[in-house]
Amino acid sequence: MFTIVKIIVSAAIIGVITEISRRSPSYGGIIAALPIVSMLSMIWLYIQGETKETLSHFAFSVASGIPSTVIMLVIIGIALRHSLSFIAASGLGLTGWLVFLYAQDFIVKHINSQQ
C-alpha cells in the first residue's frame, strides 16, 4: 500500500512540474532544478525507518551526481539551440553525462589512492 502512495505522490509532483514547464519554461526549469526528487526520496527513506547514516550516504551520493547532471543539461541545451532533434540532443546529453560520471569516478579514485 505504501508503495502505491509513493508512486501516486511522486507522479503527481512530476505532473505538476511538467504543466508549469509547459506554460512557463523559465519557471518550470527553476522548479525542476529544485531538489524535489532528492528530498522526496529522503522523506520516503526516513518514513520507512532508514538510519541517519543511510540518509547521509544518500545525500552525499546525490551531491556527487550534480556535476555530471549539469554537463548533461548544458549539452542538451546547446544541441537543441543548434537545431538537433530532441532525441539526438538527449542522446548526446546522456552520453556526456555518462562520460563525465566515469571521468569523475576515475579522478576521485585516483585522488583517494594518492592519500
Protein backbone atom coordinates (compact mmCIF):
# COMPACT_ATOMS: atom_id res chain seq x y z
CA MET A 1 0.00 0.00 0.00
CA PHE A 2 2.80 2.42 0.93
CA THR A 3 4.48 1.80 -2.41
CA ILE A 4 1.30 2.86 -4.21
CA VAL A 5 1.12 6.06 -2.14
CA LYS A 6 4.76 6.85 -3.02
CA ILE A 7 4.09 6.30 -6.71
CA ILE A 8 0.95 8.45 -6.74
CA VAL A 9 2.52 11.35 -4.80
CA SER A 10 5.71 11.24 -6.89
CA ALA A 11 3.78 11.10 -10.18
CA ALA A 12 1.57 14.00 -9.09
CA ILE A 13 4.62 16.15 -8.34
CA ILE A 14 6.17 15.33 -11.72
CA GLY A 15 2.85 16.08 -13.44
CA VAL A 16 2.55 19.47 -11.74
CA ILE A 17 6.13 20.41 -12.67
CA THR A 18 5.51 19.35 -16.27
CA GLU A 19 2.38 21.50 -16.51
CA ILE A 20 4.19 24.51 -15.03
CA SER A 21 7.05 23.96 -17.50
CA ARG A 22 4.64 23.78 -20.42
CA ARG A 23 3.11 27.12 -19.51
CA SER A 24 6.33 28.83 -18.43
CA PRO A 25 9.61 27.10 -19.34
CA SER A 26 11.62 29.53 -17.18
CA TYR A 27 9.64 28.89 -14.02
CA GLY A 28 9.35 25.20 -14.81
CA GLY A 29 13.11 24.94 -15.19
CA ILE A 30 13.69 26.65 -11.87
CA ILE A 31 11.19 24.38 -10.13
CA ALA A 32 12.59 21.27 -11.84
CA ALA A 33 16.07 22.24 -10.63
CA LEU A 34 14.87 22.19 -7.05
CA PRO A 35 15.93 19.08 -5.18
CA ILE A 36 12.33 17.83 -5.07
CA VAL A 37 13.10 14.25 -6.09
CA SER A 38 16.07 14.04 -3.72
CA MET A 39 14.09 15.40 -0.79
CA LEU A 40 11.09 13.23 -1.58
CA SER A 41 13.35 10.17 -1.73
CA MET A 42 14.91 11.09 1.60
CA ILE A 43 11.46 11.60 3.14
CA TRP A 44 10.35 8.16 1.91
CA LEU A 45 13.56 6.59 3.27
CA TYR A 46 13.08 8.35 6.62
CA ILE A 47 9.43 7.27 6.88
CA GLN A 48 10.50 3.70 6.11
CA GLY A 49 12.87 3.82 9.09
CA GLU A 50 16.26 4.12 7.41
CA THR A 51 19.15 5.18 9.63
CA LYS A 52 20.73 8.63 9.68
CA GLU A 53 23.85 7.05 8.20
CA THR A 54 21.85 5.75 5.23
CA LEU A 55 20.22 9.15 4.71
CA SER A 56 23.60 10.88 4.97
CA HIS A 57 25.18 8.49 2.47
CA PHE A 58 22.24 9.03 0.10
CA ALA A 59 22.56 12.83 0.38
CA PHE A 60 26.29 12.77 -0.41
CA SER A 61 25.72 10.36 -3.29
CA VAL A 62 23.11 12.70 -4.80
CA ALA A 63 25.51 15.63 -4.40
CA SER A 64 28.24 13.72 -6.24
CA GLY A 65 25.91 13.35 -9.24
CA ILE A 66 25.25 17.07 -9.61
CA PRO A 67 28.29 17.96 -11.79
CA SER A 68 27.54 15.29 -14.40
CA THR A 69 23.87 16.31 -14.45
CA VAL A 70 24.86 19.93 -15.12
CA ILE A 71 27.06 18.76 -18.02
CA MET A 72 24.14 16.75 -19.44
CA LEU A 73 21.74 19.68 -19.25
CA VAL A 74 24.23 22.09 -20.85
CA ILE A 75 24.90 19.65 -23.71
CA ILE A 76 21.17 19.16 -24.32
CA GLY A 77 20.54 22.91 -24.22
CA ILE A 78 23.34 23.66 -26.68
CA ALA A 79 22.34 20.81 -29.00
CA LEU A 80 18.70 21.95 -29.10
CA ARG A 81 19.77 25.53 -29.70
CA HIS A 82 21.74 24.27 -32.72
CA SER A 83 18.62 22.59 -34.17
CA LEU A 84 19.36 18.98 -33.26
CA SER A 85 16.29 16.86 -32.67
CA PHE A 86 15.25 16.23 -29.09
CA ILE A 87 16.20 12.55 -29.40
CA ALA A 88 19.68 13.38 -30.73
CA ALA A 89 20.20 16.11 -28.13
CA SER A 90 19.11 13.77 -25.35
CA GLY A 91 21.41 11.04 -26.63
CA LEU A 92 24.36 13.44 -26.69
CA GLY A 93 23.46 14.75 -23.24
CA LEU A 94 23.18 11.28 -21.74
CA THR A 95 26.46 10.27 -23.37
CA GLY A 96 28.15 13.36 -21.94
CA TRP A 97 26.62 12.59 -18.55
CA LEU A 98 27.95 9.03 -18.62
CA VAL A 99 31.44 10.04 -19.80
CA PHE A 100 31.68 12.79 -17.18
CA LEU A 101 30.39 10.46 -14.45
CA TYR A 102 33.03 7.84 -15.28
CA ALA A 103 35.76 10.51 -15.51
CA GLN A 104 34.68 11.96 -12.17
CA ASP A 105 34.71 8.49 -10.58
CA PHE A 106 38.17 7.78 -12.03
CA ILE A 107 39.57 11.09 -10.76
CA VAL A 108 38.12 10.64 -7.27
CA LYS A 109 39.51 7.09 -7.03
CA HIS A 110 42.90 8.31 -8.28
CA ILE A 111 42.98 11.14 -5.72
CA ASN A 112 41.93 8.78 -2.92
CA SER A 113 44.64 6.27 -3.87
CA GLN A 114 47.29 9.02 -3.59
CA GLN A 115 46.46 9.66 0.06
